[in-house]
Amino acid sequence: MRTPKYFDGTTSTGKAISGLLRDALAEISKQAGCQGHDILAAWSEVLGAKFANLTKATGIQDGVLTVKVKSSTLYSLLHQHEKPRLLARLQELFPRAGIRDIVFRVGRFM
């Protein structure tokens, strides 16, 4: 990093956090296609009422939706049998989001 011209050594060369956060959030929204929250909110509708309370979509990164599931049995069911249907439905509802995969993780969620 360069020292600014006429720097006297007593003033701060840092940037305001509000400007950095605004830029970072704008970039995140751009990458997620401004639909990240919509996808996470729509997960229970896509999955169906039967299993909605046993799973939680936790995030999307690089086109991969991460979903926490309550048990290994449910993990097996979703991963082996329901994943293609769920992925197709998400791609149909959110074509601009670029969802290319769903990753299921067994774990606790609130």
Protein backbone atom coordinates (compact mmCIF):
# COMPACT_ATOMS: atom_id res chain seq x y z
CA MET A 1 0.00 0.00 0.00
CA ARG A 2 1.32 3.44 -0.92
CA THR A 3 1.73 6.31 1.46
CA PRO A 4 -0.43 9.25 0.35
CA LYS A 5 1.27 12.36 -0.98
CA TYR A 6 1.83 14.98 1.73
CA PHE A 7 1.31 12.40 4.50
CA ASP A 8 2.55 13.94 7.74
CA GLY A 9 2.38 10.75 9.81
CA THR A 10 -0.35 11.91 12.19
CA THR A 11 -3.54 11.43 10.19
CA SER A 12 -5.19 8.11 9.56
CA THR A 13 -4.86 6.49 6.15
CA GLY A 14 -7.70 4.04 6.83
CA LYS A 15 -11.03 3.96 5.08
CA ALA A 16 -14.44 4.25 6.68
CA ILE A 17 -15.97 0.83 7.35
CA SER A 18 -19.34 2.00 6.00
CA GLY A 19 -17.84 2.46 2.54
CA LEU A 20 -16.14 -0.92 2.61
CA LEU A 21 -19.28 -2.70 3.79
CA ARG A 22 -21.43 -1.06 1.15
CA ASP A 23 -19.02 -2.19 -1.59
CA ALA A 24 -18.76 -5.72 -0.17
CA LEU A 25 -22.53 -6.14 0.16
CA ALA A 26 -23.07 -4.82 -3.36
CA GLU A 27 -20.62 -7.42 -4.69
CA ILE A 28 -22.27 -10.24 -2.74
CA SER A 29 -25.71 -9.24 -4.02
CA LYS A 30 -24.36 -9.12 -7.56
CA GLN A 31 -22.86 -12.61 -7.30
CA ALA A 32 -25.98 -14.10 -5.75
CA GLY A 33 -28.14 -12.56 -8.45
CA CYS A 34 -30.05 -10.66 -5.74
CA GLN A 35 -32.04 -13.84 -5.14
CA GLY A 36 -30.11 -15.51 -2.33
CA HIS A 37 -32.59 -14.64 0.39
CA ASP A 38 -35.50 -15.54 -1.87
CA ILE A 39 -34.06 -18.99 -2.52
CA LEU A 40 -33.44 -19.66 1.16
CA ALA A 41 -36.98 -18.51 1.98
CA ALA A 42 -38.50 -20.66 -0.77
CA TRP A 43 -36.69 -23.83 0.29
CA SER A 44 -39.48 -25.13 2.51
CA GLU A 45 -42.01 -24.58 -0.29
CA VAL A 46 -39.81 -26.42 -2.80
CA LEU A 47 -39.21 -29.33 -0.44
CA GLY A 48 -42.79 -29.63 0.76
CA ALA A 49 -44.52 -29.43 4.11
CA LYS A 50 -43.72 -33.03 5.05
CA PHE A 51 -39.96 -32.42 5.49
CA ALA A 52 -39.78 -28.63 5.75
CA ASN A 53 -39.37 -28.56 9.53
CA LEU A 54 -36.61 -31.20 9.38
CA THR A 55 -34.34 -29.21 7.06
CA LYS A 56 -32.96 -25.71 6.73
CA ALA A 57 -31.29 -24.07 3.75
CA THR A 58 -28.27 -22.32 5.22
CA GLY A 59 -26.53 -20.63 2.32
CA ILE A 60 -25.57 -20.39 -1.32
CA GLN A 61 -22.00 -20.11 -2.54
CA ASP A 62 -20.79 -20.39 -6.13
CA GLY A 63 -24.10 -21.88 -7.27
CA VAL A 64 -24.18 -24.53 -4.55
CA LEU A 65 -27.08 -24.51 -2.08
CA THR A 66 -26.19 -25.93 1.33
CA VAL A 67 -29.00 -27.56 3.31
CA LYS A 68 -28.77 -28.89 6.86
CA VAL A 69 -30.87 -31.96 7.62
CA LYS A 70 -31.85 -33.36 10.98
CA SER A 71 -30.92 -37.03 10.54
CA SER A 72 -28.80 -39.34 8.44
CA THR A 73 -31.92 -41.17 7.27
CA LEU A 74 -33.36 -37.96 5.87
CA TYR A 75 -29.97 -37.12 4.37
CA SER A 76 -29.96 -40.43 2.52
CA LEU A 77 -33.51 -39.96 1.24
CA LEU A 78 -32.91 -36.43 0.00
CA HIS A 79 -29.46 -37.05 -1.44
CA GLN A 80 -30.25 -40.28 -3.28
CA HIS A 81 -33.86 -39.85 -4.34
CA GLU A 82 -35.06 -36.25 -4.16
CA LYS A 83 -32.00 -34.23 -5.16
CA PRO A 84 -32.63 -34.19 -8.95
CA ARG A 85 -36.27 -33.12 -8.47
CA LEU A 86 -35.37 -30.43 -5.95
CA LEU A 87 -32.54 -29.09 -8.09
CA ALA A 88 -34.76 -28.95 -11.19
CA ARG A 89 -37.48 -27.15 -9.25
CA LEU A 90 -35.06 -24.55 -7.88
CA GLN A 91 -33.60 -23.97 -11.34
CA GLU A 92 -37.11 -23.53 -12.69
CA LEU A 93 -38.10 -21.02 -10.00
CA PHE A 94 -34.80 -19.10 -10.02
CA PRO A 95 -33.27 -19.42 -13.50
CA ARG A 96 -30.94 -16.43 -13.08
CA ALA A 97 -29.50 -17.63 -9.76
CA GLY A 98 -27.27 -20.24 -11.41
CA ILE A 99 -27.92 -23.00 -8.91
CA ARG A 100 -25.95 -26.03 -10.09
CA ASP A 101 -25.92 -28.31 -7.05
CA ILE A 102 -27.43 -28.98 -3.64
CA VAL A 103 -25.24 -30.20 -0.79
CA PHE A 104 -26.92 -31.82 2.21
CA ARG A 105 -25.24 -31.82 5.64
CA VAL A 106 -26.38 -33.65 8.75
CA GLY A 107 -26.39 -31.32 11.71
CA ARG A 108 -28.25 -29.28 14.26
CA PHE A 109 -30.03 -26.13 13.28
CA MET A 110 -32.18 -23.56 15.00
